[in-house]
C-alpha atoms as a PDB file:
ATOM      1  CA  MET A   1       5.965   5.684  83.565  1.00  0.00           C
ATOM      2  CA  HIS A   2       8.124   6.018  80.463  1.00  0.00           C
ATOM      3  CA  LYS A   3       8.109   9.322  78.594  1.00  0.00           C
ATOM      4  CA  ILE A   4       8.283   7.550  75.238  1.00  0.00           C
ATOM      5  CA  ALA A   5       8.131   3.901  74.165  1.00  0.00           C
ATOM      6  CA  ILE A   6       7.999   1.992  70.901  1.00  0.00           C
ATOM      7  CA  LEU A   7       4.962  -0.118  70.034  1.00  0.00           C
ATOM      8  CA  LEU A   8       5.161  -2.999  67.576  1.00  0.00           C
ATOM      9  CA  VAL A   9       1.964  -4.867  66.721  1.00  0.00           C
ATOM     10  CA  THR A  10       2.837  -7.954  64.707  1.00  0.00           C
ATOM     11  CA  TYR A  11       1.911 -11.496  63.687  1.00  0.00           C
ATOM     12  CA  ILE A  12       3.528 -14.856  63.071  1.00  0.00           C
ATOM     13  CA  LYS A  13       3.671 -14.292  59.307  1.00  0.00           C
ATOM     14  CA  ASP A  14       5.947 -11.302  59.951  1.00  0.00           C
ATOM     15  CA  ILE A  15       8.330 -13.003  62.369  1.00  0.00           C
ATOM     16  CA  GLU A  16      11.218 -12.882  59.877  1.00  0.00           C
ATOM     17  CA  TYR A  17      10.844  -9.108  59.741  1.00  0.00           C
ATOM     18  CA  VAL A  18      10.861  -8.959  63.542  1.00  0.00           C
ATOM     19  CA  GLU A  19      14.006 -11.115  63.636  1.00  0.00           C
ATOM     20  CA  ARG A  20      15.654  -8.464  61.488  1.00  0.00           C
ATOM     21  CA  LEU A  21      14.220  -5.517  63.429  1.00  0.00           C
ATOM     22  CA  ILE A  22      15.133  -6.508  67.002  1.00  0.00           C
ATOM     23  CA  PRO A  23      18.961  -6.482  66.554  1.00  0.00           C
ATOM     24  CA  ASN A  24      18.569  -3.287  64.535  1.00  0.00           C
ATOM     25  CA  TYR A  25      16.537  -1.649  67.345  1.00  0.00           C
ATOM     26  CA  LYS A  26      19.127  -2.682  69.949  1.00  0.00           C
ATOM     27  CA  LYS A  27      22.044  -1.441  67.861  1.00  0.00           C
ATOM     28  CA  TYR A  28      20.753   2.115  67.420  1.00  0.00           C
ATOM     29  CA  ASN A  29      18.748   2.617  70.648  1.00  0.00           C
ATOM     30  CA  ARG A  30      20.995   5.062  72.508  1.00  0.00           C
ATOM     31  CA  ASP A  31      18.508   6.106  75.223  1.00  0.00           C
ATOM     32  CA  LYS A  32      17.238   2.597  75.979  1.00  0.00           C
ATOM     33  CA  ILE A  33      13.696   3.383  74.843  1.00  0.00           C
ATOM     34  CA  PRO A  34      11.547   0.339  75.735  1.00  0.00           C
ATOM     35  CA  LEU A  35       9.829  -1.761  73.095  1.00  0.00           C
ATOM     36  CA  TYR A  36       6.389  -3.316  73.566  1.00  0.00           C
ATOM     37  CA  ILE A  37       5.445  -6.130  71.199  1.00  0.00           C
ATOM     38  CA  VAL A  38       1.783  -7.088  70.815  1.00  0.00           C
ATOM     39  CA  THR A  39       0.651 -10.281  69.062  1.00  0.00           C
ATOM     40  CA  PRO A  40      -2.451 -12.481  68.980  1.00  0.00           C
ATOM     41  CA  SER A  41      -2.486 -15.030  71.804  1.00  0.00           C
ATOM     42  CA  SER A  42      -2.091 -17.804  69.221  1.00  0.00           C
ATOM     43  CA  ASP A  43       1.305 -16.358  68.199  1.00  0.00           C
ATOM     44  CA  ILE A  44       2.669 -15.446  71.634  1.00  0.00           C
ATOM     45  CA  THR A  45       4.950 -18.468  72.059  1.00  0.00           C
ATOM     46  CA  ALA A  46       6.870 -17.746  68.858  1.00  0.00           C
ATOM     47  CA  PHE A  47       7.702 -14.217  70.045  1.00  0.00           C
ATOM     48  CA  GLN A  48       8.794 -15.107  73.598  1.00  0.00           C
ATOM     49  CA  LYS A  49      12.406 -15.345  72.439  1.00  0.00           C
ATOM     50  CA  PHE A  50      12.559 -11.576  71.921  1.00  0.00           C
ATOM     51  CA  VAL A  51      11.702 -10.672  75.528  1.00  0.00           C
ATOM     52  CA  ASP A  52      14.487  -9.154  77.623  1.00  0.00           C
ATOM     53  CA  ASP A  53      15.050  -6.226  79.995  1.00  0.00           C
ATOM     54  CA  GLY A  54      13.991  -3.656  77.390  1.00  0.00           C
ATOM     55  CA  ILE A  55      11.355  -5.641  75.501  1.00  0.00           C
ATOM     56  CA  GLU A  56       7.950  -6.727  76.829  1.00  0.00           C
ATOM     57  CA  LEU A  57       5.373  -8.929  75.139  1.00  0.00           C
ATOM     58  CA  PHE A  58       1.572  -8.690  75.311  1.00  0.00           C
ATOM     59  CA  THR A  59      -1.332 -10.459  73.683  1.00  0.00           C
ATOM     60  CA  GLU A  60      -3.855  -8.406  71.724  1.00  0.00           C
ATOM     61  CA  GLU A  61      -6.533  -9.566  74.121  1.00  0.00           C
ATOM     62  CA  ALA A  62      -4.576  -8.076  77.045  1.00  0.00           C
ATOM     63  CA  ILE A  63      -4.753  -4.647  75.395  1.00  0.00           C
ATOM     64  CA  THR A  64      -8.453  -4.547  74.495  1.00  0.00           C
ATOM     65  CA  LYS A  65     -11.451  -6.838  74.276  1.00  0.00           C
ATOM     66  CA  ASN A  66     -12.852  -4.723  71.446  1.00  0.00           C
ATOM     67  CA  LEU A  67     -11.194  -6.631  68.604  1.00  0.00           C
ATOM     68  CA  ALA A  68     -12.697  -7.274  65.185  1.00  0.00           C
ATOM     69  CA  HIS A  69     -13.646 -10.778  64.092  1.00  0.00           C
ATOM     70  CA  ASN A  70     -14.279 -10.053  60.426  1.00  0.00           C
ATOM     71  CA  SER A  71     -12.564  -7.983  57.753  1.00  0.00           C
ATOM     72  CA  ILE A  72     -13.632  -4.347  57.367  1.00  0.00           C
ATOM     73  CA  HIS A  73     -13.586  -2.372  54.097  1.00  0.00           C
ATOM     74  CA  GLY A  74     -12.130  -5.471  52.480  1.00  0.00           C
ATOM     75  CA  ILE A  75      -9.031  -5.177  54.689  1.00  0.00           C
ATOM     76  CA  ARG A  76      -7.728  -8.376  56.242  1.00  0.00           C
ATOM     77  CA  LEU A  77      -8.605  -9.033  59.873  1.00  0.00           C
ATOM     78  CA  GLY A  78      -5.050  -8.918  61.211  1.00  0.00           C
ATOM     79  CA  TYR A  79      -4.484  -5.447  59.794  1.00  0.00           C
ATOM     80  CA  ILE A  80      -7.759  -4.177  61.259  1.00  0.00           C
ATOM     81  CA  ASN A  81      -6.913  -5.410  64.761  1.00  0.00           C
ATOM     82  CA  GLN A  82      -3.470  -3.884  64.428  1.00  0.00           C
ATOM     83  CA  GLU A  83      -5.161  -0.507  63.928  1.00  0.00           C
ATOM     84  CA  ILE A  84      -7.424  -1.050  66.926  1.00  0.00           C
ATOM     85  CA  ILE A  85      -4.481  -1.979  69.178  1.00  0.00           C
ATOM     86  CA  LYS A  86      -2.598   1.189  68.243  1.00  0.00           C
ATOM     87  CA  LEU A  87      -5.567   3.306  69.306  1.00  0.00           C
ATOM     88  CA  ALA A  88      -6.193   1.343  72.518  1.00  0.00           C
ATOM     89  CA  PHE A  89      -2.665   0.787  73.825  1.00  0.00           C
ATOM     90  CA  TRP A  90      -2.690   3.999  75.884  1.00  0.00           C
ATOM     91  CA  GLU A  91      -5.102   2.305  78.301  1.00  0.00           C
ATOM     92  CA  LYS A  92      -2.252   0.107  79.620  1.00  0.00           C
ATOM     93  CA  LYS A  93      -0.712   3.297  81.095  1.00  0.00           C
ATOM     94  CA  LEU A  94       2.852   2.101  80.542  1.00  0.00           C
ATOM     95  CA  CYS A  95       4.074   5.287  78.888  1.00  0.00           C
ATOM     96  CA  GLU A  96       3.027   8.851  78.138  1.00  0.00           C
ATOM     97  CA  ASN A  97       3.654   8.607  74.399  1.00  0.00           C
ATOM     98  CA  TYR A  98       4.497   5.822  71.982  1.00  0.00           C
ATOM     99  CA  PHE A  99       6.036   5.537  68.558  1.00  0.00           C
ATOM    100  CA  CYS A 100       4.173   3.012  66.407  1.00  0.00           C
ATOM    101  CA  MET A 101       6.395   0.808  64.277  1.00  0.00           C
ATOM    102  CA  ASP A 102       5.604  -1.943  61.820  1.00  0.00           C
ATOM    103  CA  SER A 103       7.820  -4.981  61.491  1.00  0.00           C
ATOM    104  CA  ASP A 104       9.022  -4.019  58.003  1.00  0.00           C
ATOM    105  CA  GLY A 105      10.757  -0.906  59.369  1.00  0.00           C
ATOM    106  CA  GLN A 106      14.483  -0.562  60.052  1.00  0.00           C
ATOM    107  CA  PHE A 107      16.509   2.121  61.797  1.00  0.00           C
ATOM    108  CA  VAL A 108      19.419   3.577  59.838  1.00  0.00           C
ATOM    109  CA  ARG A 109      21.097   5.653  62.560  1.00  0.00           C
ATOM    110  CA  ASP A 110      21.273   6.179  66.311  1.00  0.00           C
ATOM    111  CA  PHE A 111      18.022   7.408  67.829  1.00  0.00           C
ATOM    112  CA  TYR A 112      17.257   9.230  71.061  1.00  0.00           C
ATOM    113  CA  ILE A 113      14.249  10.380  73.077  1.00  0.00           C
ATOM    114  CA  SER A 114      14.767  13.829  71.554  1.00  0.00           C
ATOM    115  CA  ASP A 115      13.961  12.423  68.103  1.00  0.00           C
ATOM    116  CA  PHE A 116      10.386  11.831  69.274  1.00  0.00           C
ATOM    117  CA  MET A 117       9.865  14.600  71.850  1.00  0.00           C
ATOM    118  CA  TYR A 118       9.792  18.352  71.165  1.00  0.00           C
ATOM    119  CA  ASP A 119      10.386  19.008  74.864  1.00  0.00           C
ATOM    120  CA  SER A 120      10.042  17.038  78.092  1.00  0.00           C
ATOM    121  CA  ASP A 121       6.227  17.060  77.867  1.00  0.00           C
ATOM    122  CA  THR A 122       5.307  17.414  74.204  1.00  0.00           C
ATOM    123  CA  PRO A 123       5.769  14.755  71.537  1.00  0.00           C
ATOM    124  CA  TYR A 124       6.254  15.674  67.928  1.00  0.00           C
ATOM    125  CA  THR A 125       3.190  15.280  65.717  1.00  0.00           C
ATOM    126  CA  ILE A 126       3.881  13.957  62.231  1.00  0.00           C
ATOM    127  CA  LEU A 127       1.698  15.906  59.809  1.00  0.00           C
ATOM    128  CA  VAL A 128       2.049  16.172  56.041  1.00  0.00           C
ATOM    129  CA  GLU A 129      -0.295  16.740  53.091  1.00  0.00           C
ATOM    130  CA  ASP A 130       1.718  14.400  50.841  1.00  0.00           C
ATOM    131  CA  ASN A 131       0.489  16.102  47.680  1.00  0.00           C
ATOM    132  CA  GLU A 132       3.350  14.561  45.727  1.00  0.00           C
ATOM    133  CA  LEU A 133       1.541  11.228  46.024  1.00  0.00           C
ATOM    134  CA  ALA A 134      -1.568  12.776  44.466  1.00  0.00           C
ATOM    135  CA  VAL A 135       0.576  13.807  41.502  1.00  0.00           C
ATOM    136  CA  GLU A 136       1.982  10.329  40.962  1.00  0.00           C
ATOM    137  CA  PRO A 137      -0.374   8.409  38.595  1.00  0.00           C
ATOM    138  CA  GLU A 138       0.328   4.933  39.998  1.00  0.00           C
ATOM    139  CA  TYR A 139      -0.299   5.896  43.618  1.00  0.00           C
ATOM    140  CA  TYR A 140      -3.210   8.198  42.784  1.00  0.00           C
ATOM    141  CA  LYS A 141      -5.190   5.509  40.975  1.00  0.00           C
ATOM    142  CA  LYS A 142      -4.453   2.701  43.417  1.00  0.00           C
ATOM    143  CA  TYR A 143      -4.693   4.492  46.747  1.00  0.00           C
ATOM    144  CA  TRP A 144      -5.138   8.266  46.822  1.00  0.00           C
ATOM    145  CA  VAL A 145      -8.757   8.655  45.681  1.00  0.00           C
ATOM    146  CA  GLU A 146     -10.223   6.189  48.179  1.00  0.00           C
ATOM    147  CA  ARG A 147      -7.842   7.267  50.944  1.00  0.00           C
ATOM    148  CA  GLU A 148      -8.795  10.928  50.561  1.00  0.00           C
ATOM    149  CA  LYS A 149     -12.510  10.114  50.616  1.00  0.00           C
ATOM    150  CA  LEU A 150     -12.203   8.133  53.845  1.00  0.00           C
ATOM    151  CA  ILE A 151      -9.964  10.662  55.591  1.00  0.00           C
ATOM    152  CA  ARG A 152     -12.364  13.458  54.646  1.00  0.00           C
ATOM    153  CA  THR A 153     -15.038  11.300  56.285  1.00  0.00           C
ATOM    154  CA  ILE A 154     -13.078  11.479  59.550  1.00  0.00           C
ATOM    155  CA  GLN A 155     -12.878  15.264  59.322  1.00  0.00           C
ATOM    156  CA  LYS A 156     -16.632  15.440  58.784  1.00  0.00           C
ATOM    157  CA  GLU A 157     -17.413  12.986  61.604  1.00  0.00           C
ATOM    158  CA  ILE A 158     -15.503  14.951  64.232  1.00  0.00           C
ATOM    159  CA  GLY A 159     -16.415  18.394  62.885  1.00  0.00           C
ATOM    160  CA  LEU A 160     -12.982  19.478  61.679  1.00  0.00           C
ATOM    161  CA  VAL A 161     -13.302  22.013  58.866  1.00  0.00           C
ATOM    162  CA  ASP A 162      -9.989  22.234  57.029  1.00  0.00           C
ATOM    163  CA  LYS A 163      -9.183  22.261  53.320  1.00  0.00           C
ATOM    164  CA  ARG A 164      -5.853  20.655  54.150  1.00  0.00           C
ATOM    165  CA  MET A 165      -5.593  16.932  54.792  1.00  0.00           C
ATOM    166  CA  LEU A 166      -2.830  16.915  57.388  1.00  0.00           C
ATOM    167  CA  THR A 167      -2.049  13.420  58.578  1.00  0.00           C
ATOM    168  CA  CYS A 168       0.548  10.672  58.113  1.00  0.00           C
ATOM    169  CA  HIS A 169       0.838   7.192  56.624  1.00  0.00           C
ATOM    170  CA  GLY A 170       2.486   5.288  59.435  1.00  0.00           C
ATOM    171  CA  PHE A 171       5.286   5.243  61.991  1.00  0.00           C
ATOM    172  CA  ALA A 172       3.512   7.933  63.988  1.00  0.00           C
ATOM    173  CA  ILE A 173       4.152   9.272  67.479  1.00  0.00           C
ATOM    174  CA  LEU A 174       0.968   9.049  69.551  1.00  0.00           C
ATOM    175  CA  SER A 175       0.239  10.951  72.750  1.00  0.00           C
ATOM    176  CA  CYS A 176      -1.729   9.084  75.406  1.00  0.00           C
ATOM    177  CA  LYS A 177      -3.336  12.398  76.405  1.00  0.00           C
ATOM    178  CA  VAL A 178      -4.733  12.830  72.910  1.00  0.00           C
ATOM    179  CA  LEU A 179      -5.963   9.241  72.726  1.00  0.00           C
ATOM    180  CA  GLU A 180      -7.624   9.558  76.136  1.00  0.00           C
ATOM    181  CA  SER A 181      -9.321  12.737  74.938  1.00  0.00           C
ATOM    182  CA  LEU A 182     -10.523  10.976  71.775  1.00  0.00           C
ATOM    183  CA  HIS A 183     -11.938   8.192  73.936  1.00  0.00           C
ATOM    184  CA  ASN A 184     -13.602  10.351  76.588  1.00  0.00           C
ATOM    185  CA  LYS A 185     -14.834  13.231  74.430  1.00  0.00           C
ATOM    186  CA  TYR A 186     -15.777  11.426  71.231  1.00  0.00           C
ATOM    187  CA  LEU A 187     -16.116   7.663  71.619  1.00  0.00           C
ATOM    188  CA  VAL A 188     -17.954   7.589  74.957  1.00  0.00           C
ATOM    189  CA  PRO A 189     -20.502  10.374  74.218  1.00  0.00           C
ATOM    190  CA  ASN A 190     -21.282   8.787  70.845  1.00  0.00           C
ATOM    191  CA  ASN A 191     -21.389   5.226  72.219  1.00  0.00           C
ATOM    192  CA  LEU A 192     -18.615   4.152  69.837  1.00  0.00           C
ATOM    193  CA  THR A 193     -15.792   1.636  70.115  1.00  0.00           C
ATOM    194  CA  TYR A 194     -12.394   1.589  68.413  1.00  0.00           C
ATOM    195  CA  LYS A 195     -13.789  -1.012  66.024  1.00  0.00           C
ATOM    196  CA  ASP A 196     -16.596   1.385  65.146  1.00  0.00           C
ATOM    197  CA  LEU A 197     -14.033   4.046  64.238  1.00  0.00           C
ATOM    198  CA  ILE A 198     -12.254   1.680  61.874  1.00  0.00           C
ATOM    199  CA  GLU A 199     -15.589   0.717  60.295  1.00  0.00           C
ATOM    200  CA  ILE A 200     -16.248   4.406  59.602  1.00  0.00           C
ATOM    201  CA  SER A 201     -12.748   4.922  58.204  1.00  0.00           C
ATOM    202  CA  PRO A 202      -9.835   2.452  58.473  1.00  0.00           C
ATOM    203  CA  TYR A 203      -7.128   5.037  59.101  1.00  0.00           C
ATOM    204  CA  GLU A 204      -6.139   4.960  62.767  1.00  0.00           C
ATOM    205  CA  TYR A 205      -3.460   7.649  62.518  1.00  0.00           C
ATOM    206  CA  SER A 206      -5.873  10.007  60.805  1.00  0.00           C
ATOM    207  CA  TRP A 207      -8.390   9.552  63.630  1.00  0.00           C
ATOM    208  CA  TYR A 208      -5.613  10.580  66.002  1.00  0.00           C
ATOM    209  CA  ASN A 209      -4.304  13.449  63.880  1.00  0.00           C
ATOM    210  CA  MET A 210      -7.680  14.928  62.994  1.00  0.00           C
ATOM    211  CA  TRP A 211      -8.869  14.729  66.599  1.00  0.00           C
ATOM    212  CA  LEU A 212      -5.719  16.485  67.791  1.00  0.00           C
ATOM    213  CA  GLN A 213      -6.238  19.275  65.252  1.00  0.00           C
ATOM    214  CA  LYS A 214      -9.868  19.593  66.352  1.00  0.00           C
ATOM    215  CA  ASP A 215      -9.396  19.299  70.128  1.00  0.00           C
ATOM    216  CA  LYS A 216      -5.887  20.779  70.445  1.00  0.00           C
ATOM    217  CA  THR A 217      -5.335  18.483  73.425  1.00  0.00           C
ATOM    218  CA  ILE A 218      -1.600  19.195  73.341  1.00  0.00           C
ATOM    219  CA  ASP A 219       0.544  21.726  71.536  1.00  0.00           C
ATOM    220  CA  ILE A 220       1.020  20.654  67.934  1.00  0.00           C
ATOM    221  CA  GLN A 221       4.744  20.628  67.276  1.00  0.00           C
ATOM    222  CA  PHE A 222       4.793  19.035  63.865  1.00  0.00           C
ATOM    223  CA  ARG A 223       7.523  17.520  61.788  1.00  0.00           C
ATOM    224  CA  GLU A 224       7.678  15.485  58.592  1.00  0.00           C
ATOM    225  CA  HIS A 225       7.893  11.698  58.495  1.00  0.00           C
ATOM    226  CA  ILE A 226      10.912  10.451  60.435  1.00  0.00           C
ATOM    227  CA  PHE A 227      10.989   7.182  58.480  1.00  0.00           C
ATOM    228  CA  LYS A 228      11.438   7.148  54.714  1.00  0.00           C
ATOM    229  CA  TYR A 229       8.493   5.204  53.329  1.00  0.00           C
ATOM    230  CA  PHE A 230       8.794   3.331  50.037  1.00  0.00           C
ATOM    231  CA  HIS A 231       5.131   2.905  49.090  1.00  0.00           C
ATOM    232  CA  HIS A 232       5.838   0.709  46.059  1.00  0.00           C
ATOM    233  CA  LYS A 233       8.850  -0.835  44.369  1.00  0.00           C
ATOM    234  CA  ASN A 234       9.316   2.027  41.890  1.00  0.00           C
ATOM    235  CA  HIS A 235       9.988   4.366  44.838  1.00  0.00           C
ATOM    236  CA  HIS A 236      12.685   1.975  46.043  1.00  0.00           C
ATOM    237  CA  ILE A 237      14.199   1.457  42.588  1.00  0.00           C
ATOM    238  CA  GLU A 238      14.242   5.208  41.928  1.00  0.00           C
ATOM    239  CA  TYR A 239      16.340   5.834  45.058  1.00  0.00           C
ATOM    240  CA  LEU A 240      18.811   3.127  44.072  1.00  0.00           C
ATOM    241  CA  GLN A 241      19.062   4.449  40.516  1.00  0.00           C
ATOM    242  CA  LYS A 242      19.971   7.854  41.924  1.00  0.00           C
ATOM    243  CA  GLY A 243      22.807   6.262  43.888  1.00  0.00           C
ATOM    244  CA  ILE A 244      21.267   7.172  47.253  1.00  0.00           C
ATOM    245  CA  THR A 245      22.840   5.139  50.064  1.00  0.00           C
ATOM    246  CA  LEU A 246      21.642   4.362  53.589  1.00  0.00           C
ATOM    247  CA  ASP A 247      24.134   6.942  54.858  1.00  0.00           C
ATOM    248  CA  ASP A 248      22.449   9.505  52.626  1.00  0.00           C
ATOM    249  CA  ILE A 249      19.013   8.524  53.937  1.00  0.00           C
ATOM    250  CA  ALA A 250      20.278   8.787  57.535  1.00  0.00           C
ATOM    251  CA  ARG A 251      20.860  12.518  57.048  1.00  0.00           C
ATOM    252  CA  GLY A 252      17.116  13.029  56.767  1.00  0.00           C
ATOM    253  CA  TYR A 253      15.460  10.073  58.464  1.00  0.00           C
ATOM    254  CA  LEU A 254      15.712   7.750  61.469  1.00  0.00           C
ATOM    255  CA  GLY A 255      14.836   4.730  59.385  1.00  0.00           C
ATOM    256  CA  ILE A 256      13.278   3.223  56.294  1.00  0.00           C
ATOM    257  CA  VAL A 257      10.185   1.202  55.477  1.00  0.00           C
ATOM    258  CA  ILE A 258      10.194  -1.065  52.453  1.00  0.00           C
ATOM    259  CA  ASN A 259       6.466  -1.724  52.431  1.00  0.00           C
ATOM    260  CA  SER A 260       5.905  -5.453  52.875  1.00  0.00           C
ATOM    261  CA  ASN A 261       2.519  -5.175  51.145  1.00  0.00           C
ATOM    262  CA  TYR A 262       4.393  -5.165  47.836  1.00  0.00           C
ATOM    263  CA  SER A 263       7.824  -6.547  48.748  1.00  0.00           C
ATOM    264  CA  ARG A 264       7.017  -9.695  50.762  1.00  0.00           C
ATOM    265  CA  TRP A 265       6.601 -11.708  47.540  1.00  0.00           C
ATOM    266  CA  ASP A 266      10.338 -11.172  47.020  1.00  0.00           C
ATOM    267  CA  GLY A 267      11.221 -12.178  50.597  1.00  0.00           C
ATOM    268  CA  VAL A 268      12.433  -9.920  53.418  1.00  0.00           C
ATOM    269  CA  VAL A 269      13.791  -7.125  51.240  1.00  0.00           C
ATOM    270  CA  SER A 270      16.586  -4.877  52.512  1.00  0.00           C
ATOM    271  CA  TYR A 271      17.429  -1.509  51.008  1.00  0.00           C
ATOM    272  CA  GLU A 272      20.302  -2.771  48.856  1.00  0.00           C
ATOM    273  CA  ASP A 273      18.164  -5.574  47.388  1.00  0.00           C
ATOM    274  CA  GLY A 274      16.423  -3.546  44.688  1.00  0.00           C
ATOM    275  CA  ASP A 275      17.813  -5.750  41.921  1.00  0.00           C
ATOM    276  CA  ILE A 276      15.653  -8.694  43.056  1.00  0.00           C
ATOM    277  CA  TYR A 277      12.429  -7.145  41.791  1.00  0.00           C
ATOM    278  CA  GLU A 278      10.993  -8.858  38.749  1.00  0.00           C
ATOM    279  CA  LEU A 279       9.173  -6.901  36.060  1.00  0.00           C
ATOM    280  CA  SER A 280       5.517  -7.771  35.606  1.00  0.00           C
ATOM    281  CA  LEU A 281       4.158  -8.382  32.099  1.00  0.00           C
ATOM    282  CA  LYS A 282       2.515  -4.967  32.237  1.00  0.00           C
ATOM    283  CA  GLU A 283       5.814  -3.310  33.155  1.00  0.00           C
ATOM    284  CA  ILE A 284       7.629  -5.177  30.371  1.00  0.00           C
ATOM    285  CA  ARG A 285       5.048  -3.954  27.845  1.00  0.00           C
ATOM    286  CA  GLN A 286       5.355  -0.391  29.131  1.00  0.00           C
ATOM    287  CA  LEU A 287       9.147  -0.548  28.913  1.00  0.00           C
ATOM    288  CA  LEU A 288       9.072  -1.923  25.352  1.00  0.00           C
ATOM    289  CA  TYR A 289       6.600   0.775  24.358  1.00  0.00           C
ATOM    290  CA  LYS A 290       8.898   3.495  25.697  1.00  0.00           C
ATOM    291  CA  ILE A 291      11.903   2.012  23.892  1.00  0.00           C
ATOM    292  CA  ILE A 292      10.072   1.727  20.558  1.00  0.00           C
ATOM    293  CA  ARG A 293       8.602   5.188  20.956  1.00  0.00           C
ATOM    294  CA  SER A 294      12.015   6.700  21.638  1.00  0.00           C
ATOM    295  CA  LEU A 295      13.500   4.931  18.588  1.00  0.00           C
ATOM    296  CA  PHE A 296      10.871   6.424  16.297  1.00  0.00           C
ATOM    297  CA  ARG A 297      10.814   9.816  17.990  1.00  0.00           C
ATOM    298  CA  LYS A 298      14.467  10.675  17.329  1.00  0.00           C
ATOM    299  CA  PRO A 299      14.327  10.330  13.478  1.00  0.00           C
ATOM    300  CA  LEU A 300      11.012  12.186  13.462  1.00  0.00           C
ATOM    301  CA  THR A 301      12.527  15.027  15.494  1.00  0.00           C
ATOM    302  CA  LEU A 302      15.461  15.261  13.091  1.00  0.00           C
ATOM    303  CA  LEU A 303      13.077  15.313  10.110  1.00  0.00           C
ATOM    304  CA  VAL A 304      11.029  18.140  11.638  1.00  0.00           C
ATOM    305  CA  LYS A 305      14.174  20.167  12.320  1.00  0.00           C
ATOM    306  CA  PHE A 306      15.451  19.563   8.766  1.00  0.00           C
ATOM    307  CA  ARG A 307      12.108  20.593   7.276  1.00  0.00           C
ATOM    308  CA  ALA A 308      11.981  23.765   9.384  1.00  0.00           C
ATOM    309  CA  ARG A 309      15.505  24.675   8.291  1.00  0.00           C
ATOM    310  CA  TYR A 310      14.640  23.990   4.607  1.00  0.00           C
ATOM    311  CA  ILE A 311      11.540  26.215   4.759  1.00  0.00           C
ATOM    312  CA  SER A 312      13.437  29.052   6.441  1.00  0.00           C
ATOM    313  CA  ASN A 313      15.984  28.995   3.630  1.00  0.00           C
END
């Protein structure tokens, strides 16, 4: 059984991302960490070309029969089943721990087993409060309020009392021991399925993280996100405006994620492609407002200074 593996749950609409990821994974994979790809049975043929000695392919149905057939919380069906697969994959007993990737991720430097494991038995747990996202108006209004409510629901459901909201957004390292504990100590006694968990709160990593903090199944050796996540295009543009290169990012992260939820309309976006983003009408109005405001503000500031100087004399 492998100590650590990489899990990629994906779909035909993301195959261009996977075509970019596979050579990237092979280039930087120094310890030959295996990759398991999971797709719906209807998509399996398209992904056969990626299979080799280090890459295996499974259908969703081979992982669990407990898949959703309708959207939950207004989230599209494919995304919901992706969450279920990530929670259920431990049951295949192919590895002791697995790093969950999405197809829009890319590695930016060599990676090793030691990047995912604290020691020979204990995986790192990625835990952050991410309060900076609560500060940011755009993210707060679109995502934070609802996300916090639903993650607090998980804490309440499992009986975890903690003012902090320690979890992660994605690209998490999951321990099969923790997932087995969640299944045997919480799902089974409460007659719940993985689909039921997602119906309560559609945040699979937070179910894992909150249960670990409650049950303490393994030692919690935490670290920050190991992939730099660009939640929206302004995050990406801001990095480019600062002159931050991939080499700079590699000093702090294993890889990057240019979130396809916002970027796919511009194609398969790579880090250097920030200039392809088009401004929306709202953004154009906001930019014009800032320009006009700055033009009027400077003369007004000079007038105030002149008046203050005149009065003092």
